[in-house]
Amino acid sequence: MAVTLYYNPRCSKSRAALELLRARAVDVRVVDYLNDPPSREELARILDLLGLEPRELMRRHEAEYAAANLADPGLTRETLILAMIQRPILIERPIAVTGDRAVIGRPPERVLEIL
């Protein structure tokens, strides 16, 4: 089984999730999403797999969230997805994806749910 892990190397939760997967000899494709953000299609698919709307996957306490006025309830799903692609720091992490399943690794042990 291969797992794609959307990962921030400076995030302790991301590092812990990666460690958990590697300890179980899982084939992990690590995506440093800050430098290689998901495409619009990838992010839309991840949201669908998670059963979330874009704002639910956003780190709303980040300065970029307020600066871009992303709390505006009139913003469309597409606008919010594009905002996360343009400002990947807003994407909650880590996210583990395999096949037709995805999970946010908070706490990191949640990544084990998709194995």
PDB file of N, CA and C in Angstrom:
ATOM      1  N   MET A   1       0.844  -1.177   0.000  1.00  0.00           N
ATOM      2  CA  MET A   1       0.000   0.000   0.000  1.00  0.00           C
ATOM      3  C   MET A   1       0.888   1.239   0.000  1.00  0.00           C
ATOM      4  N   ALA A   2       0.577   2.178  -0.874  1.00  0.00           N
ATOM      5  CA  ALA A   2       1.307   3.440  -0.934  1.00  0.00           C
ATOM      6  C   ALA A   2       0.424   4.549  -0.358  1.00  0.00           C
ATOM      7  N   VAL A   3       1.043   5.409   0.399  1.00  0.00           N
ATOM      8  CA  VAL A   3       0.350   6.542   1.013  1.00  0.00           C
ATOM      9  C   VAL A   3       1.045   7.820   0.557  1.00  0.00           C
ATOM     10  N   THR A   4       0.267   8.795   0.137  1.00  0.00           N
ATOM     11  CA  THR A   4       0.796  10.120  -0.136  1.00  0.00           C
ATOM     12  C   THR A   4       0.581  10.945   1.119  1.00  0.00           C
ATOM     13  N   LEU A   5       1.657  11.552   1.606  1.00  0.00           N
ATOM     14  CA  LEU A   5       1.583  12.364   2.819  1.00  0.00           C
ATOM     15  C   LEU A   5       1.911  13.802   2.463  1.00  0.00           C
ATOM     16  N   TYR A   6       0.915  14.668   2.573  1.00  0.00           N
ATOM     17  CA  TYR A   6       1.127  16.102   2.383  1.00  0.00           C
ATOM     18  C   TYR A   6       1.692  16.614   3.695  1.00  0.00           C
ATOM     19  N   TYR A   7       2.898  17.141   3.622  1.00  0.00           N
ATOM     20  CA  TYR A   7       3.808  17.221   4.758  1.00  0.00           C
ATOM     21  C   TYR A   7       4.506  18.564   4.794  1.00  0.00           C
ATOM     22  N   ASN A   8       4.704  19.072   5.999  1.00  0.00           N
ATOM     23  CA  ASN A   8       5.513  20.272   6.219  1.00  0.00           C
ATOM     24  C   ASN A   8       6.660  19.840   7.131  1.00  0.00           C
ATOM     25  N   PRO A   9       7.894  19.873   6.656  1.00  0.00           N
ATOM     26  CA  PRO A   9       9.011  19.374   7.466  1.00  0.00           C
ATOM     27  C   PRO A   9       9.220  20.132   8.775  1.00  0.00           C
ATOM     28  N   ARG A  10       8.682  21.340   8.891  1.00  0.00           N
ATOM     29  CA  ARG A  10       8.837  22.109  10.135  1.00  0.00           C
ATOM     30  C   ARG A  10       7.714  21.831  11.132  1.00  0.00           C
ATOM     31  N   CYS A  11       6.757  21.004  10.737  1.00  0.00           N
ATOM     32  CA  CYS A  11       5.593  20.700  11.586  1.00  0.00           C
ATOM     33  C   CYS A  11       5.827  19.397  12.343  1.00  0.00           C
ATOM     34  N   SER A  12       5.752  19.445  13.654  1.00  0.00           N
ATOM     35  CA  SER A  12       5.994  18.245  14.462  1.00  0.00           C
ATOM     36  C   SER A  12       4.957  17.159  14.188  1.00  0.00           C
ATOM     37  N   LYS A  13       3.719  17.544  13.914  1.00  0.00           N
ATOM     38  CA  LYS A  13       2.668  16.559  13.607  1.00  0.00           C
ATOM     39  C   LYS A  13       2.970  15.853  12.285  1.00  0.00           C
ATOM     40  N   SER A  14       3.464  16.598  11.310  1.00  0.00           N
ATOM     41  CA  SER A  14       3.842  16.003  10.025  1.00  0.00           C
ATOM     42  C   SER A  14       4.989  15.023  10.208  1.00  0.00           C
ATOM     43  N   ARG A  15       5.994  15.426  10.948  1.00  0.00           N
ATOM     44  CA  ARG A  15       7.146  14.543  11.177  1.00  0.00           C
ATOM     45  C   ARG A  15       6.727  13.281  11.925  1.00  0.00           C
ATOM     46  N   ALA A  16       5.856  13.425  12.904  1.00  0.00           N
ATOM     47  CA  ALA A  16       5.394  12.266  13.676  1.00  0.00           C
ATOM     48  C   ALA A  16       4.572  11.320  12.804  1.00  0.00           C
ATOM     49  N   ALA A  17       3.716  11.875  11.945  1.00  0.00           N
ATOM     50  CA  ALA A  17       2.910  11.036  11.059  1.00  0.00           C
ATOM     51  C   ALA A  17       3.806  10.255  10.102  1.00  0.00           C
ATOM     52  N   LEU A  18       4.818  10.903   9.556  1.00  0.00           N
ATOM     53  CA  LEU A  18       5.750  10.230   8.662  1.00  0.00           C
ATOM     54  C   LEU A  18       6.493   9.117   9.385  1.00  0.00           C
ATOM     55  N   GLU A  19       6.903   9.398  10.595  1.00  0.00           N
ATOM     56  CA  GLU A  19       7.605   8.394  11.402  1.00  0.00           C
ATOM     57  C   GLU A  19       6.710   7.176  11.664  1.00  0.00           C
ATOM     58  N   LEU A  20       5.456   7.410  11.984  1.00  0.00           N
ATOM     59  CA  LEU A  20       4.519   6.309  12.226  1.00  0.00           C
ATOM     60  C   LEU A  20       4.349   5.434  10.987  1.00  0.00           C
ATOM     61  N   LEU A  21       4.214   6.062   9.835  1.00  0.00           N
ATOM     62  CA  LEU A  21       4.040   5.301   8.604  1.00  0.00           C
ATOM     63  C   LEU A  21       5.291   4.510   8.254  1.00  0.00           C
ATOM     64  N   ARG A  22       6.435   5.151   8.372  1.00  0.00           N
ATOM     65  CA  ARG A  22       7.692   4.465   8.052  1.00  0.00           C
ATOM     66  C   ARG A  22       7.972   3.324   9.026  1.00  0.00           C
ATOM     67  N   ALA A  23       7.589   3.475  10.285  1.00  0.00           N
ATOM     68  CA  ALA A  23       7.795   2.418  11.277  1.00  0.00           C
ATOM     69  C   ALA A  23       6.983   1.169  10.928  1.00  0.00           C
ATOM     70  N   ARG A  24       5.936   1.354  10.138  1.00  0.00           N
ATOM     71  CA  ARG A  24       5.109   0.224   9.713  1.00  0.00           C
ATOM     72  C   ARG A  24       5.461  -0.208   8.290  1.00  0.00           C
ATOM     73  N   ALA A  25       6.602   0.260   7.804  1.00  0.00           N
ATOM     74  CA  ALA A  25       7.120  -0.102   6.472  1.00  0.00           C
ATOM     75  C   ALA A  25       6.141   0.241   5.351  1.00  0.00           C
ATOM     76  N   VAL A  26       5.395   1.331   5.526  1.00  0.00           N
ATOM     77  CA  VAL A  26       4.466   1.793   4.505  1.00  0.00           C
ATOM     78  C   VAL A  26       5.262   2.551   3.444  1.00  0.00           C
ATOM     79  N   ASP A  27       4.946   2.307   2.189  1.00  0.00           N
ATOM     80  CA  ASP A  27       5.544   3.050   1.086  1.00  0.00           C
ATOM     81  C   ASP A  27       4.923   4.453   1.097  1.00  0.00           C
ATOM     82  N   VAL A  28       5.719   5.451   1.446  1.00  0.00           N
ATOM     83  CA  VAL A  28       5.208   6.816   1.606  1.00  0.00           C
ATOM     84  C   VAL A  28       5.785   7.724   0.533  1.00  0.00           C
ATOM     85  N   ARG A  29       4.894   8.394  -0.168  1.00  0.00           N
ATOM     86  CA  ARG A  29       5.287   9.459  -1.097  1.00  0.00           C
ATOM     87  C   ARG A  29       5.090  10.765  -0.332  1.00  0.00           C
ATOM     88  N   VAL A  30       6.189  11.415   0.000  1.00  0.00           N
ATOM     89  CA  VAL A  30       6.129  12.641   0.796  1.00  0.00           C
ATOM     90  C   VAL A  30       6.037  13.841  -0.151  1.00  0.00           C
ATOM     91  N   VAL A  31       5.032  14.678   0.085  1.00  0.00           N
ATOM     92  CA  VAL A  31       4.851  15.891  -0.705  1.00  0.00           C
ATOM     93  C   VAL A  31       5.011  17.086   0.227  1.00  0.00           C
ATOM     94  N   ASP A  32       6.072  17.833   0.040  1.00  0.00           N
ATOM     95  CA  ASP A  32       6.272  19.076   0.787  1.00  0.00           C
ATOM     96  C   ASP A  32       5.351  20.111   0.137  1.00  0.00           C
ATOM     97  N   TYR A  33       4.123  20.159   0.632  1.00  0.00           N
ATOM     98  CA  TYR A  33       3.084  20.931  -0.045  1.00  0.00           C
ATOM     99  C   TYR A  33       3.335  22.440  -0.047  1.00  0.00           C
ATOM    100  N   LEU A  34       4.216  22.928   0.821  1.00  0.00           N
ATOM    101  CA  LEU A  34       4.528  24.357   0.794  1.00  0.00           C
ATOM    102  C   LEU A  34       5.318  24.712  -0.455  1.00  0.00           C
ATOM    103  N   ASN A  35       6.173  23.797  -0.902  1.00  0.00           N
ATOM    104  CA  ASN A  35       6.978  24.014  -2.100  1.00  0.00           C
ATOM    105  C   ASN A  35       6.356  23.390  -3.339  1.00  0.00           C
ATOM    106  N   ASP A  36       5.469  22.439  -3.152  1.00  0.00           N
ATOM    107  CA  ASP A  36       4.824  21.720  -4.251  1.00  0.00           C
ATOM    108  C   ASP A  36       3.341  21.549  -3.923  1.00  0.00           C
ATOM    109  N   PRO A  37       2.569  22.655  -3.966  1.00  0.00           N
ATOM    110  CA  PRO A  37       1.162  22.567  -3.569  1.00  0.00           C
ATOM    111  C   PRO A  37       0.372  21.663  -4.514  1.00  0.00           C
ATOM    112  N   PRO A  38      -0.690  21.064  -3.998  1.00  0.00           N
ATOM    113  CA  PRO A  38      -1.528  20.220  -4.859  1.00  0.00           C
ATOM    114  C   PRO A  38      -2.179  21.064  -5.950  1.00  0.00           C
ATOM    115  N   SER A  39      -2.503  20.408  -7.045  1.00  0.00           N
ATOM    116  CA  SER A  39      -3.243  21.093  -8.108  1.00  0.00           C
ATOM    117  C   SER A  39      -4.672  21.340  -7.632  1.00  0.00           C
ATOM    118  N   ARG A  40      -5.395  22.101  -8.393  1.00  0.00           N
ATOM    119  CA  ARG A  40      -6.789  22.372  -8.070  1.00  0.00           C
ATOM    120  C   ARG A  40      -7.580  21.052  -8.013  1.00  0.00           C
ATOM    121  N   GLU A  41      -7.312  20.167  -8.988  1.00  0.00           N
ATOM    122  CA  GLU A  41      -8.006  18.882  -9.042  1.00  0.00           C
ATOM    123  C   GLU A  41      -7.639  18.005  -7.845  1.00  0.00           C
ATOM    124  N   GLU A  42      -6.350  17.966  -7.505  1.00  0.00           N
ATOM    125  CA  GLU A  42      -5.907  17.163  -6.360  1.00  0.00           C
ATOM    126  C   GLU A  42      -6.550  17.649  -5.066  1.00  0.00           C
ATOM    127  N   LEU A  43      -6.546  18.964  -4.877  1.00  0.00           N
ATOM    128  CA  LEU A  43      -7.102  19.514  -3.648  1.00  0.00           C
ATOM    129  C   LEU A  43      -8.614  19.277  -3.576  1.00  0.00           C
ATOM    130  N   ALA A  44      -9.302  19.427  -4.681  1.00  0.00           N
ATOM    131  CA  ALA A  44     -10.748  19.157  -4.702  1.00  0.00           C
ATOM    132  C   ALA A  44     -11.013  17.692  -4.367  1.00  0.00           C
ATOM    133  N   ARG A  45     -10.194  16.788  -4.897  1.00  0.00           N
ATOM    134  CA  ARG A  45     -10.354  15.355  -4.608  1.00  0.00           C
ATOM    135  C   ARG A  45     -10.094  15.073  -3.129  1.00  0.00           C
ATOM    136  N   ILE A  46      -9.045  15.681  -2.573  1.00  0.00           N
ATOM    137  CA  ILE A  46      -8.731  15.491  -1.152  1.00  0.00           C
ATOM    138  C   ILE A  46      -9.905  15.964  -0.295  1.00  0.00           C
ATOM    139  N   LEU A  47     -10.450  17.118  -0.618  1.00  0.00           N
ATOM    140  CA  LEU A  47     -11.599  17.629   0.128  1.00  0.00           C
ATOM    141  C   LEU A  47     -12.768  16.654   0.055  1.00  0.00           C
ATOM    142  N   ASP A  48     -13.019  16.118  -1.136  1.00  0.00           N
ATOM    143  CA  ASP A  48     -14.117  15.155  -1.293  1.00  0.00           C
ATOM    144  C   ASP A  48     -13.862  13.906  -0.470  1.00  0.00           C
ATOM    145  N   LEU A  49     -12.621  13.397  -0.506  1.00  0.00           N
ATOM    146  CA  LEU A  49     -12.292  12.192   0.272  1.00  0.00           C
ATOM    147  C   LEU A  49     -12.445  12.439   1.768  1.00  0.00           C
ATOM    148  N   LEU A  50     -12.085  13.638   2.207  1.00  0.00           N
ATOM    149  CA  LEU A  50     -12.203  13.987   3.618  1.00  0.00           C
ATOM    150  C   LEU A  50     -13.637  14.320   4.016  1.00  0.00           C
ATOM    151  N   GLY A  51     -14.476  14.616   3.024  1.00  0.00           N
ATOM    152  CA  GLY A  51     -15.849  15.021   3.319  1.00  0.00           C
ATOM    153  C   GLY A  51     -15.910  16.410   3.928  1.00  0.00           C
ATOM    154  N   LEU A  52     -14.982  17.274   3.495  1.00  0.00           N
ATOM    155  CA  LEU A  52     -14.900  18.621   4.058  1.00  0.00           C
ATOM    156  C   LEU A  52     -15.125  19.681   2.986  1.00  0.00           C
ATOM    157  N   GLU A  53     -15.546  20.829   3.440  1.00  0.00           N
ATOM    158  CA  GLU A  53     -15.580  22.014   2.591  1.00  0.00           C
ATOM    159  C   GLU A  53     -14.224  22.722   2.746  1.00  0.00           C
ATOM    160  N   PRO A  54     -13.835  23.528   1.775  1.00  0.00           N
ATOM    161  CA  PRO A  54     -12.498  24.130   1.810  1.00  0.00           C
ATOM    162  C   PRO A  54     -12.147  24.842   3.117  1.00  0.00           C
ATOM    163  N   ARG A  55     -13.061  25.621   3.626  1.00  0.00           N
ATOM    164  CA  ARG A  55     -12.750  26.389   4.844  1.00  0.00           C
ATOM    165  C   ARG A  55     -12.436  25.459   6.023  1.00  0.00           C
ATOM    166  N   GLU A  56     -13.020  24.260   6.019  1.00  0.00           N
ATOM    167  CA  GLU A  56     -12.778  23.298   7.097  1.00  0.00           C
ATOM    168  C   GLU A  56     -11.366  22.711   7.043  1.00  0.00           C
ATOM    169  N   LEU A  57     -10.694  22.840   5.910  1.00  0.00           N
ATOM    170  CA  LEU A  57      -9.332  22.348   5.752  1.00  0.00           C
ATOM    171  C   LEU A  57      -8.309  23.475   5.900  1.00  0.00           C
ATOM    172  N   MET A  58      -8.801  24.673   6.158  1.00  0.00           N
ATOM    173  CA  MET A  58      -7.908  25.832   6.253  1.00  0.00           C
ATOM    174  C   MET A  58      -7.452  26.079   7.684  1.00  0.00           C
ATOM    175  N   ARG A  59      -6.226  26.535   7.774  1.00  0.00           N
ATOM    176  CA  ARG A  59      -5.664  26.980   9.039  1.00  0.00           C
ATOM    177  C   ARG A  59      -6.082  28.451   9.205  1.00  0.00           C
ATOM    178  N   ARG A  60      -7.210  28.641   9.845  1.00  0.00           N
ATOM    179  CA  ARG A  60      -7.823  29.966   9.908  1.00  0.00           C
ATOM    180  C   ARG A  60      -7.095  30.957  10.806  1.00  0.00           C
ATOM    181  N   HIS A  61      -6.158  30.493  11.615  1.00  0.00           N
ATOM    182  CA  HIS A  61      -5.429  31.426  12.476  1.00  0.00           C
ATOM    183  C   HIS A  61      -4.205  32.030  11.780  1.00  0.00           C
ATOM    184  N   GLU A  62      -3.894  31.562  10.569  1.00  0.00           N
ATOM    185  CA  GLU A  62      -2.748  32.106   9.835  1.00  0.00           C
ATOM    186  C   GLU A  62      -3.044  33.538   9.391  1.00  0.00           C
ATOM    187  N   ALA A  63      -2.022  34.365   9.400  1.00  0.00           N
ATOM    188  CA  ALA A  63      -2.175  35.768   9.004  1.00  0.00           C
ATOM    189  C   ALA A  63      -2.705  35.896   7.571  1.00  0.00           C
ATOM    190  N   GLU A  64      -2.300  34.994   6.703  1.00  0.00           N
ATOM    191  CA  GLU A  64      -2.734  35.035   5.305  1.00  0.00           C
ATOM    192  C   GLU A  64      -4.251  34.871   5.172  1.00  0.00           C
ATOM    193  N   TYR A  65      -4.849  34.131   6.092  1.00  0.00           N
ATOM    194  CA  TYR A  65      -6.295  33.929   6.066  1.00  0.00           C
ATOM    195  C   TYR A  65      -7.015  35.269   6.245  1.00  0.00           C
ATOM    196  N   ALA A  66      -6.609  36.007   7.253  1.00  0.00           N
ATOM    197  CA  ALA A  66      -7.226  37.317   7.505  1.00  0.00           C
ATOM    198  C   ALA A  66      -6.862  38.317   6.410  1.00  0.00           C
ATOM    199  N   ALA A  67      -5.605  38.301   5.991  1.00  0.00           N
ATOM    200  CA  ALA A  67      -5.138  39.268   4.987  1.00  0.00           C
ATOM    201  C   ALA A  67      -5.894  39.115   3.668  1.00  0.00           C
ATOM    202  N   ALA A  68      -6.263  37.896   3.326  1.00  0.00           N
ATOM    203  CA  ALA A  68      -6.981  37.643   2.071  1.00  0.00           C
ATOM    204  C   ALA A  68      -8.496  37.685   2.249  1.00  0.00           C
ATOM    205  N   ASN A  69      -8.957  38.037   3.447  1.00  0.00           N
ATOM    206  CA  ASN A  69     -10.390  38.133   3.743  1.00  0.00           C
ATOM    207  C   ASN A  69     -11.128  36.826   3.428  1.00  0.00           C
ATOM    208  N   LEU A  70     -10.518  35.696   3.802  1.00  0.00           N
ATOM    209  CA  LEU A  70     -11.095  34.395   3.480  1.00  0.00           C
ATOM    210  C   LEU A  70     -12.246  33.993   4.400  1.00  0.00           C
ATOM    211  N   ALA A  71     -12.508  34.775   5.427  1.00  0.00           N
ATOM    212  CA  ALA A  71     -13.659  34.507   6.297  1.00  0.00           C
ATOM    213  C   ALA A  71     -14.965  34.988   5.665  1.00  0.00           C
ATOM    214  N   ASP A  72     -14.865  35.711   4.569  1.00  0.00           N
ATOM    215  CA  ASP A  72     -16.049  36.235   3.878  1.00  0.00           C
ATOM    216  C   ASP A  72     -16.963  35.068   3.484  1.00  0.00           C
ATOM    217  N   PRO A  73     -18.180  35.005   4.044  1.00  0.00           N
ATOM    218  CA  PRO A  73     -19.077  33.881   3.758  1.00  0.00           C
ATOM    219  C   PRO A  73     -19.544  33.836   2.304  1.00  0.00           C
ATOM    220  N   GLY A  74     -19.333  34.896   1.562  1.00  0.00           N
ATOM    221  CA  GLY A  74     -19.765  34.941   0.167  1.00  0.00           C
ATOM    222  C   GLY A  74     -18.781  34.301  -0.806  1.00  0.00           C
ATOM    223  N   LEU A  75     -17.613  33.899  -0.302  1.00  0.00           N
ATOM    224  CA  LEU A  75     -16.618  33.296  -1.188  1.00  0.00           C
ATOM    225  C   LEU A  75     -17.053  31.897  -1.606  1.00  0.00           C
ATOM    226  N   THR A  76     -16.818  31.580  -2.854  1.00  0.00           N
ATOM    227  CA  THR A  76     -17.225  30.276  -3.383  1.00  0.00           C
ATOM    228  C   THR A  76     -16.213  29.190  -3.018  1.00  0.00           C
ATOM    229  N   ARG A  77     -16.640  27.949  -3.170  1.00  0.00           N
ATOM    230  CA  ARG A  77     -15.762  26.799  -2.960  1.00  0.00           C
ATOM    231  C   ARG A  77     -14.521  26.930  -3.846  1.00  0.00           C
ATOM    232  N   GLU A  78     -14.737  27.278  -5.104  1.00  0.00           N
ATOM    233  CA  GLU A  78     -13.627  27.405  -6.057  1.00  0.00           C
ATOM    234  C   GLU A  78     -12.646  28.486  -5.620  1.00  0.00           C
ATOM    235  N   THR A  79     -13.144  29.611  -5.165  1.00  0.00           N
ATOM    236  CA  THR A  79     -12.285  30.702  -4.703  1.00  0.00           C
ATOM    237  C   THR A  79     -11.444  30.253  -3.516  1.00  0.00           C
ATOM    238  N   LEU A  80     -12.047  29.522  -2.598  1.00  0.00           N
ATOM    239  CA  LEU A  80     -11.322  29.059  -1.417  1.00  0.00           C
ATOM    240  C   LEU A  80     -10.269  28.005  -1.786  1.00  0.00           C
ATOM    241  N   ILE A  81     -10.593  27.121  -2.717  1.00  0.00           N
ATOM    242  CA  ILE A  81      -9.616  26.133  -3.179  1.00  0.00           C
ATOM    243  C   ILE A  81      -8.425  26.843  -3.819  1.00  0.00           C
ATOM    244  N   LEU A  82      -8.701  27.802  -4.676  1.00  0.00           N
ATOM    245  CA  LEU A  82      -7.615  28.542  -5.323  1.00  0.00           C
ATOM    246  C   LEU A  82      -6.780  29.318  -4.300  1.00  0.00           C
ATOM    247  N   ALA A  83      -7.423  29.831  -3.267  1.00  0.00           N
ATOM    248  CA  ALA A  83      -6.687  30.545  -2.215  1.00  0.00           C
ATOM    249  C   ALA A  83      -5.706  29.612  -1.511  1.00  0.00           C
ATOM    250  N   MET A  84      -6.107  28.362  -1.276  1.00  0.00           N
ATOM    251  CA  MET A  84      -5.203  27.405  -0.624  1.00  0.00           C
ATOM    252  C   MET A  84      -4.038  27.029  -1.534  1.00  0.00           C
ATOM    253  N   ILE A  85      -4.285  26.958  -2.822  1.00  0.00           N
ATOM    254  CA  ILE A  85      -3.209  26.639  -3.759  1.00  0.00           C
ATOM    255  C   ILE A  85      -2.217  27.801  -3.825  1.00  0.00           C
ATOM    256  N   GLN A  86      -2.734  29.011  -3.830  1.00  0.00           N
ATOM    257  CA  GLN A  86      -1.880  30.200  -3.883  1.00  0.00           C
ATOM    258  C   GLN A  86      -1.160  30.451  -2.565  1.00  0.00           C
ATOM    259  N   ARG A  87      -1.770  30.037  -1.454  1.00  0.00           N
ATOM    260  CA  ARG A  87      -1.211  30.222  -0.113  1.00  0.00           C
ATOM    261  C   ARG A  87      -1.231  28.879   0.608  1.00  0.00           C
ATOM    262  N   PRO A  88      -0.367  27.944   0.226  1.00  0.00           N
ATOM    263  CA  PRO A  88      -0.449  26.589   0.788  1.00  0.00           C
ATOM    264  C   PRO A  88      -0.248  26.519   2.297  1.00  0.00           C
ATOM    265  N   ILE A  89       0.305  27.557   2.905  1.00  0.00           N
ATOM    266  CA  ILE A  89       0.447  27.579   4.367  1.00  0.00           C
ATOM    267  C   ILE A  89      -0.925  27.450   5.031  1.00  0.00           C
ATOM    268  N   LEU A  90      -1.988  27.766   4.293  1.00  0.00           N
ATOM    269  CA  LEU A  90      -3.346  27.705   4.838  1.00  0.00           C
ATOM    270  C   LEU A  90      -3.892  26.286   4.928  1.00  0.00           C
ATOM    271  N   ILE A  91      -3.256  25.326   4.252  1.00  0.00           N
ATOM    272  CA  ILE A  91      -3.761  23.957   4.239  1.00  0.00           C
ATOM    273  C   ILE A  91      -3.372  23.254   5.535  1.00  0.00           C
ATOM    274  N   GLU A  92      -4.362  22.683   6.192  1.00  0.00           N
ATOM    275  CA  GLU A  92      -4.106  21.906   7.409  1.00  0.00           C
ATOM    276  C   GLU A  92      -3.204  20.728   7.066  1.00  0.00           C
ATOM    277  N   ARG A  93      -2.378  20.328   8.020  1.00  0.00           N
ATOM    278  CA  ARG A  93      -1.449  19.223   7.781  1.00  0.00           C
ATOM    279  C   ARG A  93      -1.262  18.413   9.038  1.00  0.00           C
ATOM    280  N   PRO A  94      -0.742  17.224   8.851  1.00  0.00           N
ATOM    281  CA  PRO A  94      -0.487  16.503   7.605  1.00  0.00           C
ATOM    282  C   PRO A  94      -1.765  15.864   7.083  1.00  0.00           C
ATOM    283  N   ILE A  95      -1.777  15.577   5.794  1.00  0.00           N
ATOM    284  CA  ILE A  95      -2.896  14.871   5.179  1.00  0.00           C
ATOM    285  C   ILE A  95      -2.326  13.605   4.548  1.00  0.00           C
ATOM    286  N   ALA A  96      -2.910  12.461   4.878  1.00  0.00           N
ATOM    287  CA  ALA A  96      -2.508  11.190   4.300  1.00  0.00           C
ATOM    288  C   ALA A  96      -3.609  10.722   3.355  1.00  0.00           C
ATOM    289  N   VAL A  97      -3.195  10.287   2.165  1.00  0.00           N
ATOM    290  CA  VAL A  97      -4.143   9.845   1.144  1.00  0.00           C
ATOM    291  C   VAL A  97      -3.677   8.511   0.585  1.00  0.00           C
ATOM    292  N   THR A  98      -4.597   7.588   0.470  1.00  0.00           N
ATOM    293  CA  THR A  98      -4.333   6.323  -0.210  1.00  0.00           C
ATOM    294  C   THR A  98      -5.616   5.861  -0.867  1.00  0.00           C
ATOM    295  N   GLY A  99      -5.512   5.527  -2.149  1.00  0.00           N
ATOM    296  CA  GLY A  99      -6.702   5.066  -2.865  1.00  0.00           C
ATOM    297  C   GLY A  99      -7.842   6.055  -2.744  1.00  0.00           C
ATOM    298  N   ASP A 100      -8.950   5.580  -2.197  1.00  0.00           N
ATOM    299  CA  ASP A 100     -10.130   6.439  -2.054  1.00  0.00           C
ATOM    300  C   ASP A 100     -10.367   6.848  -0.603  1.00  0.00           C
ATOM    301  N   ARG A 101      -9.272   6.943   0.161  1.00  0.00           N
ATOM    302  CA  ARG A 101      -9.374   7.345   1.569  1.00  0.00           C
ATOM    303  C   ARG A 101      -8.367   8.445   1.868  1.00  0.00           C
ATOM    304  N   ALA A 102      -8.747   9.320   2.780  1.00  0.00           N
ATOM    305  CA  ALA A 102      -7.858  10.391   3.225  1.00  0.00           C
ATOM    306  C   ALA A 102      -8.174  10.716   4.676  1.00  0.00           C
ATOM    307  N   VAL A 103      -7.166  11.234   5.377  1.00  0.00           N
ATOM    308  CA  VAL A 103      -7.344  11.610   6.768  1.00  0.00           C
ATOM    309  C   VAL A 103      -6.362  12.735   7.095  1.00  0.00           C
ATOM    310  N   ILE A 104      -6.792  13.618   7.977  1.00  0.00           N
ATOM    311  CA  ILE A 104      -5.896  14.646   8.510  1.00  0.00           C
ATOM    312  C   ILE A 104      -5.218  14.046   9.732  1.00  0.00           C
ATOM    313  N   GLY A 105      -3.914  14.103   9.771  1.00  0.00           N
ATOM    314  CA  GLY A 105      -3.140  13.492  10.850  1.00  0.00           C
ATOM    315  C   GLY A 105      -3.041  14.340  12.095  1.00  0.00           C
ATOM    316  N   ARG A 106      -4.160  14.665  12.668  1.00  0.00           N
ATOM    317  CA  ARG A 106      -4.213  15.397  13.931  1.00  0.00           C
ATOM    318  C   ARG A 106      -5.180  14.678  14.846  1.00  0.00           C
ATOM    319  N   PRO A 107      -4.685  13.955  15.803  1.00  0.00           N
ATOM    320  CA  PRO A 107      -3.284  13.711  16.127  1.00  0.00           C
ATOM    321  C   PRO A 107      -2.633  12.812  15.071  1.00  0.00           C
ATOM    322  N   PRO A 108      -1.304  12.746  15.054  1.00  0.00           N
ATOM    323  CA  PRO A 108      -0.596  11.993  14.022  1.00  0.00           C
ATOM    324  C   PRO A 108      -1.044  10.543  13.879  1.00  0.00           C
ATOM    325  N   GLU A 109      -1.471   9.920  14.954  1.00  0.00           N
ATOM    326  CA  GLU A 109      -1.902   8.521  14.912  1.00  0.00           C
ATOM    327  C   GLU A 109      -3.092   8.301  13.982  1.00  0.00           C
ATOM    328  N   ARG A 110      -3.807   9.343  13.659  1.00  0.00           N
ATOM    329  CA  ARG A 110      -4.949   9.214  12.751  1.00  0.00           C
ATOM    330  C   ARG A 110      -4.534   8.714  11.379  1.00  0.00           C
ATOM    331  N   VAL A 111      -3.275   8.942  10.974  1.00  0.00           N
ATOM    332  CA  VAL A 111      -2.849   8.462   9.646  1.00  0.00           C
ATOM    333  C   VAL A 111      -2.918   6.947   9.561  1.00  0.00           C
ATOM    334  N   LEU A 112      -2.854   6.269  10.692  1.00  0.00           N
ATOM    335  CA  LEU A 112      -2.906   4.816  10.706  1.00  0.00           C
ATOM    336  C   LEU A 112      -4.294   4.295  10.344  1.00  0.00           C
ATOM    337  N   GLU A 113      -5.316   5.144  10.429  1.00  0.00           N
ATOM    338  CA  GLU A 113      -6.682   4.749  10.125  1.00  0.00           C
ATOM    339  C   GLU A 113      -6.877   4.350   8.661  1.00  0.00           C
ATOM    340  N   ILE A 114      -6.024   4.828   7.776  1.00  0.00           N
ATOM    341  CA  ILE A 114      -6.214   4.536   6.356  1.00  0.00           C
ATOM    342  C   ILE A 114      -5.415   3.313   5.905  1.00  0.00           C
ATOM    343  N   LEU A 115      -4.695   2.698   6.829  1.00  0.00           N
ATOM    344  CA  LEU A 115      -3.907   1.513   6.467  1.00  0.00           C
ATOM    345  C   LEU A 115      -4.783   0.281   6.405  1.00  0.00           C
TER     346      LEU A 115
END
